[in-house]
Amino acid sequence: MSRYRAVIVKTEELDGTVIEQKWAVYDSEKGIVLSDRYDLPADAEKESTALNKEQEARESTAFEELLEDLKGLTDEPEHPSHKP
């Protein structure tokens, strides 16, 4: 599931009358709705897609850095590339 999703945000009176209805982006990891509001669902979807792509790029970079750090490490003390 994607971390960021487009959601509809409604402001209502206590009797259920809708005062305002806007689109926003929900961060499922933090459980919050981001502060920007959009009139069109396509705008919120576009923003959530961009945020998801940024998140995936950060995760991919972090994974590649981890693999690079682990390259050459071994648990065998007699192995020439063993790093205690």
N, C-alpha and C. Protein backbone atom coordinates (compact mmCIF):
# COMPACT_ATOMS: atom_id res chain seq x y z
N MET A 1 0.84 -1.18 0.00
CA MET A 1 0.00 0.00 0.00
C MET A 1 0.89 1.25 0.00
N SER A 2 0.49 2.25 -0.71
CA SER A 2 1.24 3.50 -0.77
C SER A 2 1.12 4.26 0.54
N ARG A 3 2.20 4.97 0.87
CA ARG A 3 2.19 5.75 2.11
C ARG A 3 1.23 6.94 2.00
N TYR A 4 1.25 7.64 0.87
CA TYR A 4 0.43 8.83 0.69
C TYR A 4 -0.76 8.52 -0.20
N ARG A 5 -1.95 8.99 0.20
CA ARG A 5 -3.17 8.76 -0.57
C ARG A 5 -4.01 10.04 -0.61
N ALA A 6 -4.74 10.21 -1.71
CA ALA A 6 -5.67 11.33 -1.83
C ALA A 6 -6.93 10.99 -1.06
N VAL A 7 -7.40 11.93 -0.24
CA VAL A 7 -8.62 11.72 0.55
C VAL A 7 -9.48 12.98 0.47
N ILE A 8 -10.77 12.81 0.76
CA ILE A 8 -11.68 13.96 0.80
C ILE A 8 -11.83 14.40 2.25
N VAL A 9 -11.79 15.71 2.45
CA VAL A 9 -11.94 16.28 3.80
C VAL A 9 -13.20 17.14 3.80
N LYS A 10 -14.13 16.81 4.69
CA LYS A 10 -15.39 17.56 4.79
C LYS A 10 -15.44 18.30 6.11
N THR A 11 -15.90 19.55 6.04
CA THR A 11 -16.20 20.31 7.25
C THR A 11 -17.72 20.38 7.32
N GLU A 12 -18.27 19.90 8.44
CA GLU A 12 -19.73 19.82 8.57
C GLU A 12 -20.22 20.51 9.83
N GLU A 13 -21.46 20.96 9.75
CA GLU A 13 -22.17 21.43 10.94
C GLU A 13 -22.53 20.20 11.78
N LEU A 14 -22.91 20.41 13.02
CA LEU A 14 -23.31 19.29 13.87
C LEU A 14 -24.50 18.53 13.32
N ASP A 15 -25.35 19.22 12.56
CA ASP A 15 -26.52 18.55 11.99
C ASP A 15 -26.19 17.78 10.70
N GLY A 16 -24.93 17.81 10.28
CA GLY A 16 -24.51 17.07 9.09
C GLY A 16 -24.44 17.90 7.82
N THR A 17 -24.82 19.18 7.89
CA THR A 17 -24.75 20.05 6.72
C THR A 17 -23.29 20.28 6.36
N VAL A 18 -22.94 20.02 5.10
CA VAL A 18 -21.56 20.18 4.65
C VAL A 18 -21.27 21.67 4.43
N ILE A 19 -20.27 22.18 5.12
CA ILE A 19 -19.84 23.57 4.96
C ILE A 19 -18.82 23.67 3.83
N GLU A 20 -17.87 22.75 3.85
CA GLU A 20 -16.79 22.77 2.86
C GLU A 20 -16.36 21.34 2.58
N GLN A 21 -16.00 21.11 1.33
CA GLN A 21 -15.51 19.79 0.94
C GLN A 21 -14.30 19.99 0.04
N LYS A 22 -13.14 19.52 0.49
CA LYS A 22 -11.89 19.67 -0.26
C LYS A 22 -11.17 18.33 -0.30
N TRP A 23 -10.18 18.25 -1.16
CA TRP A 23 -9.32 17.08 -1.25
C TRP A 23 -7.99 17.39 -0.57
N ALA A 24 -7.38 16.35 -0.01
CA ALA A 24 -6.10 16.51 0.67
C ALA A 24 -5.29 15.22 0.49
N VAL A 25 -4.09 15.21 1.08
CA VAL A 25 -3.22 14.04 1.03
C VAL A 25 -3.07 13.49 2.44
N TYR A 26 -3.30 12.19 2.58
CA TYR A 26 -3.21 11.49 3.87
C TYR A 26 -1.90 10.72 3.94
N ASP A 27 -1.15 10.90 5.03
CA ASP A 27 0.09 10.17 5.28
C ASP A 27 -0.24 8.99 6.19
N SER A 28 -0.30 7.79 5.63
CA SER A 28 -0.72 6.62 6.41
C SER A 28 0.32 6.18 7.43
N GLU A 29 1.58 6.54 7.23
CA GLU A 29 2.61 6.17 8.20
C GLU A 29 2.48 6.99 9.48
N LYS A 30 2.23 8.27 9.33
CA LYS A 30 2.08 9.16 10.50
C LYS A 30 0.64 9.28 10.97
N GLY A 31 -0.31 8.88 10.13
CA GLY A 31 -1.72 8.96 10.50
C GLY A 31 -2.25 10.38 10.51
N ILE A 32 -1.75 11.21 9.59
CA ILE A 32 -2.18 12.61 9.54
C ILE A 32 -2.60 13.00 8.12
N VAL A 33 -3.42 14.04 8.05
CA VAL A 33 -3.77 14.65 6.77
C VAL A 33 -2.90 15.88 6.62
N LEU A 34 -2.19 15.97 5.50
CA LEU A 34 -1.32 17.12 5.26
C LEU A 34 -2.16 18.38 5.11
N SER A 35 -1.56 19.53 5.38
CA SER A 35 -2.32 20.78 5.50
C SER A 35 -2.83 21.34 4.17
N ASP A 36 -2.19 21.04 3.05
CA ASP A 36 -2.63 21.58 1.76
C ASP A 36 -3.98 20.99 1.37
N ARG A 37 -4.86 21.83 0.79
CA ARG A 37 -6.18 21.39 0.33
C ARG A 37 -6.29 21.65 -1.16
N TYR A 38 -7.04 20.80 -1.84
CA TYR A 38 -7.19 20.88 -3.29
C TYR A 38 -8.67 20.84 -3.65
N ASP A 39 -9.03 21.59 -4.71
CA ASP A 39 -10.42 21.60 -5.18
C ASP A 39 -10.74 20.35 -6.00
N LEU A 40 -9.74 19.83 -6.69
CA LEU A 40 -9.96 18.69 -7.58
C LEU A 40 -9.26 17.44 -7.06
N PRO A 41 -9.91 16.29 -7.17
CA PRO A 41 -9.27 15.05 -6.72
C PRO A 41 -7.99 14.74 -7.51
N ALA A 42 -7.95 15.13 -8.78
CA ALA A 42 -6.76 14.88 -9.60
C ALA A 42 -5.54 15.60 -9.04
N ASP A 43 -5.74 16.80 -8.49
CA ASP A 43 -4.63 17.56 -7.91
C ASP A 43 -4.08 16.86 -6.67
N ALA A 44 -4.95 16.36 -5.82
CA ALA A 44 -4.52 15.64 -4.62
C ALA A 44 -3.84 14.33 -5.01
N GLU A 45 -4.37 13.66 -6.01
CA GLU A 45 -3.78 12.40 -6.48
C GLU A 45 -2.39 12.65 -7.07
N LYS A 46 -2.25 13.74 -7.81
CA LYS A 46 -0.96 14.09 -8.40
C LYS A 46 0.07 14.34 -7.29
N GLU A 47 -0.31 15.05 -6.25
CA GLU A 47 0.59 15.34 -5.14
C GLU A 47 0.95 14.06 -4.39
N SER A 48 -0.02 13.19 -4.14
CA SER A 48 0.26 11.94 -3.42
C SER A 48 1.19 11.04 -4.24
N THR A 49 1.01 11.02 -5.55
CA THR A 49 1.89 10.23 -6.42
C THR A 49 3.32 10.76 -6.37
N ALA A 50 3.48 12.08 -6.41
CA ALA A 50 4.81 12.68 -6.33
C ALA A 50 5.48 12.37 -4.99
N LEU A 51 4.72 12.47 -3.90
CA LEU A 51 5.27 12.17 -2.58
C LEU A 51 5.66 10.69 -2.46
N ASN A 52 4.85 9.80 -3.02
CA ASN A 52 5.18 8.37 -2.99
C ASN A 52 6.45 8.08 -3.79
N LYS A 53 6.62 8.74 -4.93
CA LYS A 53 7.83 8.54 -5.73
C LYS A 53 9.06 9.04 -4.98
N GLU A 54 8.95 10.18 -4.29
CA GLU A 54 10.06 10.69 -3.48
C GLU A 54 10.41 9.71 -2.37
N GLN A 55 9.40 9.17 -1.72
CA GLN A 55 9.61 8.21 -0.63
C GLN A 55 10.31 6.95 -1.15
N GLU A 56 9.86 6.44 -2.29
CA GLU A 56 10.47 5.25 -2.87
C GLU A 56 11.93 5.51 -3.24
N ALA A 57 12.23 6.70 -3.76
CA ALA A 57 13.60 7.04 -4.12
C ALA A 57 14.49 7.09 -2.88
N ARG A 58 13.98 7.67 -1.78
CA ARG A 58 14.76 7.72 -0.53
C ARG A 58 15.02 6.32 0.00
N GLU A 59 14.00 5.46 -0.03
CA GLU A 59 14.15 4.09 0.45
C GLU A 59 15.13 3.31 -0.41
N SER A 60 15.07 3.50 -1.72
CA SER A 60 15.97 2.81 -2.64
C SER A 60 17.41 3.24 -2.40
N THR A 61 17.63 4.54 -2.22
CA THR A 61 18.97 5.06 -1.96
C THR A 61 19.51 4.52 -0.65
N ALA A 62 18.69 4.49 0.38
CA ALA A 62 19.11 3.97 1.68
C ALA A 62 19.47 2.49 1.58
N PHE A 63 18.70 1.72 0.82
CA PHE A 63 18.97 0.30 0.65
C PHE A 63 20.29 0.09 -0.10
N GLU A 64 20.52 0.87 -1.15
CA GLU A 64 21.76 0.77 -1.91
C GLU A 64 22.96 1.12 -1.03
N GLU A 65 22.83 2.15 -0.19
CA GLU A 65 23.91 2.52 0.72
C GLU A 65 24.19 1.40 1.72
N LEU A 66 23.14 0.75 2.21
CA LEU A 66 23.31 -0.36 3.14
C LEU A 66 24.03 -1.52 2.47
N LEU A 67 23.64 -1.85 1.24
CA LEU A 67 24.32 -2.93 0.52
C LEU A 67 25.79 -2.61 0.30
N GLU A 68 26.09 -1.37 -0.02
CA GLU A 68 27.48 -0.95 -0.22
C GLU A 68 28.27 -1.08 1.08
N ASP A 69 27.66 -0.70 2.20
CA ASP A 69 28.32 -0.82 3.50
C ASP A 69 28.58 -2.28 3.87
N LEU A 70 27.68 -3.17 3.47
CA LEU A 70 27.81 -4.58 3.81
C LEU A 70 28.72 -5.35 2.86
N LYS A 71 29.02 -4.74 1.73
CA LYS A 71 29.85 -5.42 0.73
C LYS A 71 31.21 -5.76 1.34
N GLY A 72 31.61 -6.99 1.22
CA GLY A 72 32.92 -7.41 1.71
C GLY A 72 32.94 -7.86 3.16
N LEU A 73 31.86 -7.68 3.89
CA LEU A 73 31.83 -8.14 5.28
C LEU A 73 31.55 -9.63 5.33
N THR A 74 32.14 -10.30 6.30
CA THR A 74 31.90 -11.73 6.48
C THR A 74 32.02 -12.07 7.96
N ASP A 75 31.43 -13.18 8.35
CA ASP A 75 31.51 -13.65 9.74
C ASP A 75 32.71 -14.55 9.97
N GLU A 76 33.45 -14.85 8.93
CA GLU A 76 34.59 -15.76 9.05
C GLU A 76 35.86 -14.97 9.37
N PRO A 77 36.41 -15.11 10.61
CA PRO A 77 37.61 -14.35 11.00
C PRO A 77 38.82 -14.64 10.12
N GLU A 78 38.93 -15.84 9.56
CA GLU A 78 40.11 -16.17 8.75
C GLU A 78 40.00 -15.63 7.33
N HIS A 79 38.84 -15.15 6.97
CA HIS A 79 38.64 -14.60 5.62
C HIS A 79 39.38 -13.28 5.50
N PRO A 80 40.10 -13.05 4.38
CA PRO A 80 40.90 -11.82 4.23
C PRO A 80 40.10 -10.52 4.33
N SER A 81 38.81 -10.53 3.99
CA SER A 81 38.04 -9.29 4.04
C SER A 81 37.25 -9.14 5.33
N HIS A 82 37.53 -10.00 6.32
CA HIS A 82 36.82 -9.91 7.61
C HIS A 82 37.16 -8.58 8.29
N LYS A 83 36.12 -7.87 8.71
CA LYS A 83 36.29 -6.60 9.42
C LYS A 83 35.65 -6.74 10.79
N PRO A 84 36.44 -6.77 11.85
CA PRO A 84 35.86 -6.92 13.20
C PRO A 84 35.09 -5.71 13.65
